[in-house]
Protein backbone atom coordinates (compact mmCIF):
# COMPACT_ATOMS: atom_id res chain seq x y z
CA MET A 1 0.03 0.11 0.12
CA THR A 2 1.44 3.19 -0.91
CA ALA A 3 2.48 5.64 1.53
CA THR A 4 0.21 8.77 2.44
CA TYR A 5 2.82 10.71 3.89
CA ARG A 6 6.82 10.88 4.78
CA VAL A 7 8.72 12.18 7.72
CA GLU A 8 11.06 14.90 7.12
CA HIS A 9 13.27 16.06 10.21
CA ASP A 10 14.36 19.77 11.47
CA LEU A 11 16.14 21.27 14.40
CA LEU A 12 12.73 21.38 15.99
CA GLY A 13 11.99 17.52 15.07
CA GLU A 14 9.95 15.34 12.84
CA ARG A 15 6.67 15.96 11.11
CA ARG A 16 4.51 14.32 8.67
CA VAL A 17 4.78 15.60 5.03
CA PRO A 18 2.32 15.15 2.35
CA ALA A 19 4.31 12.18 0.30
CA ASP A 20 3.26 13.57 -3.14
CA ALA A 21 4.13 17.35 -2.03
CA TYR A 22 6.86 18.64 -3.13
CA TRP A 23 7.24 20.96 -0.64
CA GLY A 24 9.10 19.96 2.86
CA ILE A 25 8.67 20.44 6.50
CA HIS A 26 10.14 23.85 6.27
CA THR A 27 7.00 24.74 4.48
CA LEU A 28 4.71 23.23 6.22
CA ARG A 29 5.86 24.78 9.63
CA ALA A 30 5.47 28.12 7.70
CA THR A 31 1.81 27.28 6.64
CA GLU A 32 1.21 26.57 10.23
CA ASN A 33 2.56 29.73 11.54
CA PHE A 34 1.69 32.41 8.79
CA PRO A 35 -2.32 31.84 7.99
CA ILE A 36 -2.70 35.83 7.57
CA THR A 37 -4.16 36.68 3.95
CA GLY A 38 -4.85 32.86 2.85
CA THR A 39 -2.97 34.20 -0.45
CA ALA A 40 0.01 31.93 -1.33
CA ILE A 41 3.06 33.46 -2.90
CA SER A 42 1.92 31.34 -6.36
CA VAL A 43 -0.02 34.13 -7.19
CA TYR A 44 3.13 36.27 -8.05
CA PRO A 45 4.87 33.93 -10.80
CA HIS A 46 6.86 36.16 -11.47
CA LEU A 47 8.51 35.68 -8.44
CA ILE A 48 8.49 32.02 -8.49
CA ASN A 49 10.06 32.59 -11.75
CA ALA A 50 12.70 34.46 -10.50
CA PHE A 51 13.51 32.29 -7.45
CA ALA A 52 14.26 29.59 -9.97
CA ALA A 53 16.35 31.79 -12.16
CA VAL A 54 18.18 32.46 -9.02
CA LYS A 55 18.55 28.75 -7.72
CA GLU A 56 19.73 28.07 -11.16
CA ALA A 57 22.24 30.71 -11.35
CA ALA A 58 23.55 29.37 -7.84
CA ALA A 59 23.94 25.82 -9.33
CA ARG A 60 26.03 26.89 -11.90
CA ALA A 61 28.33 28.47 -9.77
CA ASN A 62 28.40 26.04 -7.43
CA ARG A 63 29.06 23.68 -9.54
CA GLN A 64 31.99 26.22 -11.37
CA PHE A 65 33.66 26.25 -7.94
CA GLY A 66 33.50 22.29 -7.78
CA LEU A 67 30.86 22.84 -4.01
CA ILE A 68 28.13 20.21 -6.17
CA THR A 69 28.69 17.66 -8.67
CA ALA A 70 27.84 17.86 -12.35
CA ASP A 71 24.67 15.29 -12.02
CA GLN A 72 23.28 17.26 -9.12
CA ALA A 73 23.64 21.05 -10.73
CA ALA A 74 22.01 19.63 -14.10
CA ALA A 75 19.19 18.35 -12.26
CA ILE A 76 18.68 21.49 -10.16
CA GLY A 77 18.72 23.61 -13.43
CA PHE A 78 16.04 21.21 -15.19
CA ALA A 79 14.09 21.76 -12.21
CA CYS A 80 14.41 24.99 -12.45
CA HIS A 81 13.73 25.19 -16.14
CA GLU A 82 10.45 23.56 -15.27
CA ILE A 83 9.27 25.78 -12.74
CA ARG A 84 10.39 29.19 -14.89
CA ASP A 85 7.66 27.20 -17.56
CA GLY A 86 5.02 27.18 -15.39
CA ARG A 87 5.29 23.61 -13.59
CA LEU A 88 5.04 23.22 -10.10
CA HIS A 89 3.82 27.02 -9.17
CA ASP A 90 0.64 25.44 -7.08
CA GLN A 91 3.58 24.09 -4.68
CA PHE A 92 4.58 27.35 -3.73
CA VAL A 93 2.06 27.35 -0.74
CA VAL A 94 3.49 29.72 2.03
CA ASP A 95 1.64 33.37 2.99
CA VAL A 96 2.78 36.20 0.80
CA ILE A 97 3.02 37.69 4.32
CA GLN A 98 5.60 36.02 6.80
CA GLY A 99 8.11 36.53 9.41
CA GLY A 100 11.55 35.51 8.99
CA ALA A 101 12.45 38.45 6.18
CA GLY A 102 11.69 35.78 3.63
CA THR A 103 12.94 32.50 4.71
CA SER A 104 9.48 30.98 4.48
CA THR A 105 9.64 31.73 0.92
CA ASN A 106 13.19 30.71 0.62
CA MET A 107 12.66 27.51 1.93
CA ASN A 108 9.74 26.57 -0.40
CA ALA A 109 11.74 27.44 -3.37
CA ASN A 110 14.51 25.00 -1.50
CA GLU A 111 12.49 22.20 -0.80
CA VAL A 112 10.44 22.13 -4.21
CA ILE A 113 13.31 21.91 -6.20
CA ALA A 114 15.51 19.53 -4.42
CA ASN A 115 12.79 17.38 -4.40
CA ARG A 116 12.10 17.65 -7.86
CA ALA A 117 15.47 17.42 -8.99
CA LEU A 118 15.64 14.39 -6.73
CA GLU A 119 12.82 12.56 -8.73
CA ILE A 120 15.29 13.88 -11.91
CA LEU A 121 18.05 11.74 -10.59
CA GLY A 122 16.06 8.52 -9.87
CA HIS A 123 15.05 8.86 -6.23
CA ALA A 124 12.12 9.51 -4.15
CA LYS A 125 11.05 12.98 -2.46
CA GLY A 126 12.29 13.30 0.96
CA GLU A 127 15.77 11.59 0.16
CA TYR A 128 17.45 14.29 0.86
CA GLN A 129 20.99 12.32 1.90
CA HIS A 130 21.25 12.40 -1.91
CA LEU A 131 20.56 16.11 -2.99
CA HIS A 132 19.82 18.81 -0.01
CA PRO A 133 17.21 21.73 -0.23
CA ASN A 134 19.53 23.59 2.39
CA GLU A 135 23.37 22.21 1.89
CA ASP A 136 23.01 21.99 -2.04
CA VAL A 137 20.21 23.92 -3.38
CA ASN A 138 20.72 27.02 -0.99
CA ARG A 139 24.88 26.48 -1.30
CA SER A 140 26.59 29.83 -1.12
CA GLN A 141 23.32 31.93 -0.29
CA SER A 142 21.18 33.32 2.36
CA THR A 143 17.86 33.96 2.08
CA ASN A 144 18.92 37.95 2.54
CA ASP A 145 20.62 37.87 -0.54
CA VAL A 146 18.53 35.39 -2.36
CA TYR A 147 14.75 36.61 -1.49
CA PRO A 148 15.76 40.37 -2.06
CA ILE A 149 17.51 39.24 -5.39
CA ALA A 150 14.31 37.23 -6.57
CA VAL A 151 12.13 40.87 -6.18
CA ASN A 152 14.51 42.51 -7.96
CA VAL A 153 14.44 40.52 -11.00
CA ALA A 154 10.29 39.71 -10.89
CA THR A 155 9.89 43.44 -10.14
CA VAL A 156 12.21 44.50 -13.16
CA ILE A 157 9.99 42.16 -15.59
CA ALA A 158 6.60 43.18 -14.04
CA ILE A 159 7.32 47.12 -14.73
CA GLY A 160 8.10 45.93 -18.00
CA GLU A 161 5.11 44.70 -18.85
CA LEU A 162 3.42 47.84 -16.75
CA LEU A 163 5.17 50.20 -19.36
CA ASP A 164 3.67 48.20 -22.02
CA ALA A 165 0.12 48.60 -20.71
CA MET A 166 0.95 52.49 -20.46
CA SER A 167 1.71 52.43 -23.79
CA VAL A 168 -1.34 51.12 -24.77
CA LEU A 169 -3.63 53.64 -22.71
CA ARG A 170 -1.16 56.59 -23.98
CA GLU A 171 -1.87 55.70 -27.44
CA ALA A 172 -5.90 55.52 -27.14
CA PHE A 173 -5.36 58.83 -25.55
CA ALA A 174 -3.35 60.17 -28.36
CA ALA A 175 -5.82 58.36 -31.09
CA LYS A 176 -8.81 60.48 -29.33
CA ALA A 177 -6.88 63.75 -29.68
CA VAL A 178 -6.92 62.90 -33.38
CA GLU A 179 -10.22 62.26 -33.35
CA PHE A 180 -11.50 64.95 -31.81
CA ARG A 181 -9.30 67.43 -33.17
CA GLY A 182 -11.89 70.06 -34.41
CA ALA A 183 -14.61 69.84 -31.54
CA LEU A 184 -13.93 73.24 -29.38
CA LYS A 185 -15.37 73.32 -25.80
CA MET A 186 -14.69 75.62 -22.97
CA GLY A 187 -11.57 75.16 -20.52
CA ARG A 188 -11.90 75.17 -17.32
CA THR A 189 -10.11 76.33 -13.92
CA GLN A 190 -11.40 75.90 -10.13
CA LEU A 191 -14.62 74.12 -12.25
CA GLN A 192 -15.02 77.72 -13.42
CA ASP A 193 -15.41 78.82 -17.52
CA ALA A 194 -11.70 79.80 -18.55
CA VAL A 195 -10.90 80.11 -22.01
CA PRO A 196 -11.96 77.89 -25.34
CA MET A 197 -10.04 75.00 -25.96
CA THR A 198 -10.19 71.57 -28.19
CA LEU A 199 -11.44 68.40 -26.71
CA SER A 200 -8.02 67.27 -28.73
CA GLN A 201 -5.96 69.40 -26.63
CA GLU A 202 -7.91 67.86 -23.35
CA PHE A 203 -7.12 64.43 -24.51
CA GLY A 204 -3.66 64.83 -25.97
CA THR A 205 -2.45 66.26 -22.30
CA TYR A 206 -3.59 63.10 -20.51
CA ALA A 207 -1.10 60.84 -23.32
CA VAL A 208 1.62 63.69 -22.57
CA MET A 209 0.94 62.86 -18.97
CA LEU A 210 0.95 58.98 -19.20
CA GLU A 211 4.56 59.50 -21.56
CA GLU A 212 6.00 61.52 -18.79
CA ASP A 213 5.36 58.50 -16.09
CA GLN A 214 6.65 56.35 -18.15
CA SER A 215 10.39 58.38 -18.85
CA ARG A 216 10.22 58.27 -14.88
CA LEU A 217 8.90 54.48 -14.40
CA GLY A 218 11.67 53.29 -16.89
CA GLU A 219 14.73 55.93 -14.86
CA ALA A 220 13.15 54.27 -11.47
CA VAL A 221 13.62 50.47 -12.28
CA GLN A 222 17.22 50.81 -13.61
CA LEU A 223 18.16 51.27 -9.97
CA VAL A 224 16.67 47.78 -9.25
CA HIS A 225 18.67 46.09 -11.40
CA GLU A 226 21.39 46.15 -8.63
CA ILE A 227 21.47 43.09 -7.03
CA ASN A 228 23.66 41.78 -3.95
CA LEU A 229 24.34 37.60 -4.92
CA GLY A 230 26.90 36.72 -3.33
CA ALA A 231 26.56 38.72 -0.16
CA THR A 232 25.18 36.03 1.98
CA ALA A 233 23.92 36.99 5.50
CA ILE A 234 24.96 40.45 6.18
CA GLY A 235 26.93 41.51 2.72
CA THR A 236 30.28 39.77 4.03
CA GLY A 237 29.89 37.03 1.55
CA ARG A 238 30.36 34.17 4.46
CA ASN A 239 30.12 30.93 3.42
CA ALA A 240 30.32 31.58 -0.05
CA PRO A 241 33.70 31.17 -2.46
CA ALA A 242 35.94 34.28 -3.68
CA GLY A 243 34.82 34.93 -6.94
CA TYR A 244 30.99 33.31 -6.31
CA ALA A 245 29.03 36.70 -6.34
CA GLU A 246 30.50 37.99 -9.91
CA ALA A 247 30.28 33.97 -11.27
CA ALA A 248 26.57 33.68 -9.98
CA ARG A 249 25.75 37.44 -11.24
CA GLN A 250 26.89 36.39 -14.70
CA HIS A 251 24.98 33.16 -14.71
CA LEU A 252 21.83 34.93 -13.44
CA SER A 253 21.99 37.57 -16.21
CA ALA A 254 22.55 35.01 -18.86
CA ILE A 255 19.33 33.04 -17.35
CA THR A 256 17.01 36.29 -17.33
CA GLY A 257 18.46 38.20 -20.14
CA LEU A 258 18.67 41.61 -17.39
CA PRO A 259 21.76 43.57 -17.59
CA LEU A 260 22.20 42.98 -13.73
CA VAL A 261 25.07 44.70 -11.87
CA THR A 262 26.59 43.38 -8.52
CA ALA A 263 26.26 46.39 -5.90
CA ALA A 264 29.29 48.05 -5.06
CA ASP A 265 28.45 47.89 -1.52
CA LEU A 266 27.22 44.35 -0.57
CA VAL A 267 26.40 45.07 3.23
CA GLU A 268 24.79 48.48 2.04
CA ALA A 269 23.02 46.57 -0.27
CA THR A 270 21.89 43.98 2.02
CA GLN A 271 19.76 46.27 4.56
CA ASP A 272 18.70 49.28 2.48
CA CYS A 273 15.32 49.03 0.63
CA GLY A 274 15.86 52.85 -0.87
CA ALA A 275 15.38 51.23 -4.76
CA PHE A 276 12.03 49.43 -3.41
CA VAL A 277 10.81 52.70 -1.93
CA HIS A 278 11.76 55.44 -4.82
CA LEU A 279 9.74 52.64 -7.20
CA SER A 280 6.94 53.14 -5.32
CA GLY A 281 7.12 56.28 -5.38
CA VAL A 282 7.01 56.70 -8.65
CA LEU A 283 4.02 54.16 -8.71
CA LYS A 284 2.56 56.66 -6.87
CA ARG A 285 3.13 59.77 -8.70
CA MET A 286 1.25 57.31 -11.86
CA ALA A 287 -1.87 56.54 -9.78
CA VAL A 288 -2.24 59.95 -8.54
CA LYS A 289 -2.02 61.23 -12.19
CA LEU A 290 -4.13 58.22 -13.61
CA SER A 291 -6.75 58.83 -11.20
CA LYS A 292 -6.90 62.36 -11.70
CA ILE A 293 -7.48 61.60 -15.47
CA CYS A 294 -10.43 59.27 -14.38
CA ASN A 295 -12.05 62.11 -12.34
CA ASP A 296 -11.75 64.51 -15.54
CA LEU A 297 -13.17 61.81 -17.47
CA ARG A 298 -16.17 61.43 -14.73
CA LEU A 299 -16.73 65.08 -14.65
CA LEU A 300 -16.71 65.48 -18.62
CA SER A 301 -19.23 62.66 -18.70
CA SER A 302 -21.96 63.68 -16.24
CA GLY A 303 -25.47 64.55 -16.80
CA PRO A 304 -27.04 63.76 -19.39
CA ARG A 305 -29.07 66.11 -18.53
CA ALA A 306 -27.98 68.08 -15.32
CA GLY A 307 -24.13 68.05 -15.78
CA LEU A 308 -21.49 68.74 -18.19
CA HIS A 309 -22.16 65.63 -20.60
CA GLU A 310 -19.30 66.94 -23.00
CA ILE A 311 -18.31 63.20 -23.77
CA ASN A 312 -19.90 60.08 -23.86
CA PRO A 313 -18.42 57.02 -22.23
CA PRO A 314 -19.56 53.64 -23.98
CA PRO A 315 -21.97 51.83 -22.29
CA VAL A 316 -20.39 48.80 -20.26
CA GLN A 317 -23.22 47.95 -18.19
CA ALA A 318 -26.67 49.32 -16.69
CA GLY A 319 -25.94 51.89 -14.10
CA SER A 320 -28.62 51.15 -11.35
CA SER A 321 -30.88 49.03 -10.25
CA ILE A 322 -33.57 51.46 -9.78
CA MET A 323 -33.18 54.14 -12.25
CA PRO A 324 -33.82 52.96 -15.64
CA GLY A 325 -31.45 54.04 -18.61
CA ARG A 326 -28.53 55.16 -16.29
CA ILE A 327 -25.07 54.53 -17.35
CA ASN A 328 -22.47 54.88 -14.65
CA PRO A 329 -18.44 55.50 -15.40
CA VAL A 330 -17.72 51.97 -13.97
CA ILE A 331 -14.38 51.83 -15.91
CA PRO A 332 -12.94 55.26 -14.56
CA GLU A 333 -14.30 54.70 -10.97
CA VAL A 334 -12.36 51.09 -11.00
CA VAL A 335 -9.30 52.93 -11.78
CA ASN A 336 -9.74 55.15 -8.85
CA GLN A 337 -10.02 52.47 -6.61
CA VAL A 338 -6.73 50.95 -7.85
CA ALA A 339 -4.98 55.00 -6.87
CA PHE A 340 -6.31 54.62 -3.86
CA GLU A 341 -4.85 51.51 -3.34
CA VAL A 342 -1.22 51.71 -4.79
CA ILE A 343 -1.40 55.22 -2.83
CA GLY A 344 -2.11 53.00 0.48
CA ASN A 345 0.63 50.63 -0.56
CA ASP A 346 3.21 52.95 -1.11
CA VAL A 347 2.77 54.01 2.67
CA ALA A 348 3.12 50.13 3.69
CA ILE A 349 6.24 50.47 1.49
CA THR A 350 7.76 53.34 3.10
CA MET A 351 7.13 52.31 6.81
CA ALA A 352 8.77 48.64 5.99
CA ALA A 353 11.75 49.94 5.09
CA GLU A 354 11.80 52.46 7.47
CA ALA A 355 11.46 49.73 10.20
CA GLY A 356 14.84 47.96 8.83
CA GLN A 357 17.24 47.35 11.74
CA LEU A 358 20.93 46.89 11.46
CA GLN A 359 22.53 44.92 8.80
CA LEU A 360 18.85 43.52 7.33
CA ASN A 361 15.33 44.71 6.72
CA ALA A 362 12.71 42.09 8.33
CA PHE A 363 10.19 43.24 6.32
CA GLU A 364 10.78 42.65 2.49
CA PRO A 365 7.72 40.38 2.62
CA ILE A 366 5.37 43.19 3.00
CA ILE A 367 7.34 45.38 0.26
CA LEU A 368 7.31 42.34 -2.20
CA HIS A 369 3.41 42.20 -1.48
CA SER A 370 2.85 45.93 -1.81
CA LEU A 371 4.91 46.61 -4.96
CA SER A 372 3.64 43.79 -6.76
CA GLU A 373 -0.01 44.57 -6.51
CA SER A 374 0.68 48.04 -7.13
CA ILE A 375 2.30 46.92 -10.49
CA THR A 376 0.17 44.28 -11.43
CA HIS A 377 -3.22 46.14 -10.70
CA LEU A 378 -1.90 49.33 -12.37
CA LYS A 379 -1.31 47.04 -15.52
CA ALA A 380 -4.71 45.95 -15.44
CA ALA A 381 -5.87 49.52 -14.62
CA CYS A 382 -4.12 51.11 -17.88
CA LEU A 383 -5.60 47.98 -20.06
CA VAL A 384 -9.26 48.10 -18.88
CA LEU A 385 -9.12 52.11 -19.17
CA ALA A 386 -8.06 51.79 -22.52
CA GLU A 387 -10.15 48.91 -23.99
CA ARG A 388 -12.79 49.51 -22.18
CA CYS A 389 -13.66 53.44 -21.77
CA VAL A 390 -11.50 55.46 -23.19
CA SER A 391 -11.25 53.89 -27.14
CA GLY A 392 -15.04 54.03 -27.02
CA ILE A 393 -15.27 57.46 -26.11
CA THR A 394 -17.64 59.82 -28.19
CA ALA A 395 -18.01 64.16 -28.09
CA ASP A 396 -21.04 65.68 -28.07
CA GLU A 397 -20.15 68.72 -30.21
CA GLU A 398 -23.47 70.26 -29.85
CA ALA A 399 -23.40 70.30 -25.73
CA MET A 400 -19.63 71.96 -26.35
CA ARG A 401 -20.29 74.24 -28.86
CA ALA A 402 -23.44 75.53 -26.54
CA THR A 403 -21.37 75.97 -24.00
CA VAL A 404 -18.86 78.20 -25.42
CA GLU A 405 -21.38 80.42 -27.03
CA ASN A 406 -22.88 80.95 -23.69
CA SER A 407 -20.04 81.00 -21.77
CA ILE A 408 -18.54 84.46 -20.32
CA GLY A 409 -15.22 82.51 -20.98
CA LEU A 410 -15.63 83.72 -24.52
CA VAL A 411 -14.72 87.20 -23.78
CA THR A 412 -11.48 86.60 -22.63
CA ALA A 413 -10.81 85.59 -26.01
CA LEU A 414 -12.21 88.78 -27.56
CA ASN A 415 -11.46 90.92 -24.83
CA PRO A 416 -8.24 92.70 -26.84
CA HIS A 417 -11.19 93.95 -29.17
CA ILE A 418 -14.04 94.59 -27.40
CA GLY A 419 -13.48 94.80 -24.12
CA TYR A 420 -15.25 93.59 -20.93
CA ILE A 421 -18.82 92.35 -21.38
CA ALA A 422 -18.86 89.67 -19.07
CA LYS A 423 -20.75 91.32 -16.06
CA GLU A 424 -23.88 92.22 -18.49
CA ALA A 425 -23.63 88.96 -19.92
CA LEU A 426 -23.73 87.04 -16.79
CA GLU A 427 -26.34 89.55 -15.40
CA THR A 428 -28.51 88.75 -18.12
CA GLY A 429 -28.08 85.21 -18.88
CA ARG A 430 -27.43 86.04 -22.49
CA GLY A 431 -24.52 84.51 -24.61
CA ILE A 432 -21.76 86.36 -25.12
CA ALA A 433 -21.70 85.55 -28.87
CA GLU A 434 -25.10 87.64 -29.17
CA LEU A 435 -24.41 90.39 -27.18
CA VAL A 436 -21.10 91.09 -29.64
CA LEU A 437 -23.12 90.62 -32.27
CA GLU A 438 -26.00 93.23 -30.91
CA LYS A 439 -23.50 95.94 -30.55
CA GLY A 440 -21.52 95.28 -32.81
CA LEU A 441 -18.39 94.92 -31.73
CA LEU A 442 -16.69 92.85 -34.18
CA PRO A 443 -14.12 94.51 -36.16
CA SER A 444 -15.25 95.64 -39.40
CA GLY A 445 -15.64 91.97 -41.49
CA LEU A 446 -15.17 89.53 -39.00
CA ARG A 447 -17.49 87.49 -37.08
CA VAL A 448 -17.92 84.92 -34.71
CA THR A 449 -17.63 81.30 -36.80
CA TRP A 450 -17.28 77.86 -36.09
CA GLY A 451 -15.89 74.92 -38.18
CA ARG A 452 -13.95 72.18 -37.67
CA GLY A 453 -10.79 72.84 -39.61
CA PRO A 454 -6.66 72.35 -38.92
CA ASP A 455 -6.75 75.61 -37.15
CA SER A 456 -9.97 75.38 -34.95
CA GLY A 457 -9.31 76.07 -31.29
CA VAL A 458 -7.15 78.71 -32.57
CA TRP A 459 -8.16 82.48 -31.42
CA THR A 460 -6.40 85.23 -33.10
CA PRO A 461 -7.63 89.05 -34.29
CA GLU A 462 -8.28 87.56 -37.43
CA ARG A 463 -9.90 84.45 -36.32
CA LEU A 464 -11.83 84.72 -33.40
CA GLY A 465 -13.73 81.39 -33.48
CA SER A 466 -12.80 78.39 -35.16
């Protein structure tokens, strides 16, 4: 009869582990100790794949220095390849928030890789005398260098995907700027009428805002390419052979295709989380600006009768269970909520980085969790906003034209030629264009005209309206 469990040992004693589990006793204890979120680290595939890459790089370097056999290195490498191909992710079961500076995550990875490598070598799971999670898979390493490096690699890859999603949203706004080139409307400051502009200018600005944040994000992620591989426990490199750090870095760069660099001071790099704080700050900047854009979209689409109603978002779902025909701006609303979350995550990352003590920051698991949530949710928000909202927006040009014609803000554009008549318009409720024509205030041969040409929206003495 096949056994349903195997017995494993650690310094606290022995425990029964499910026979078919690739994880072992250290992972088992961690699942019992940290029932915090109910969310396993497997929800972050970039992190799991990054761990596999780091462990393969370490195995190559350890083989290079004669610390493990060629068969052991090959089996570890094969197991890591399988993990990066998406296999065994369900075996990464420890909670995303955990004590121990990420030790439980590192041990979970060591045990899964070791047990799969044992199978490849023809042994049963748990027969660690042939290949051990700590002594072989984790050789020349510590959680204190492996965990942050895996977070760095995962973050670089995830940021690349976020930058791609931002491009999709930026291009959606840019396309609308072209489409709305001739659509005149009133610009507003402090929610009061200002001067005429085009809807093209408004949407073009959103594209520029996103482009600026893409540049800042691209700059910030460069700091995360610096790693402390080979630092081991506190940055001194104890228990790793001379030359290991550079050898392992070269292997990791080759495996990931990333231009990783070894930190100039490994003691500093092991305790400092400044790069994560900086990156999170840029993500917060992006979230704030994205939320501002969504505030604008909600305001511009307000109505349809009692609001601005200058744009029409695509109807993606019924808006109310009680008010017939109502369509709510649900996509901008969900993006607003993502922004609120990112801002909160930035506070958590800031506090976690500040709470580090002496040679290590023990709170990188919450940094990983918060940073990953911010990046993943911002990526999804950009794609949803582009595909489910911006690309389907249409303009209500009649409503915008009526607003311009009746706004006292029109007088600002005409002021150099006709003086101030805003007070009369405001007191009588009549439109600026109507009063200008009635009083004969236009220069000879000129009149207020409206059109959709390449110079629409340009207000000059020669062309007062477009």
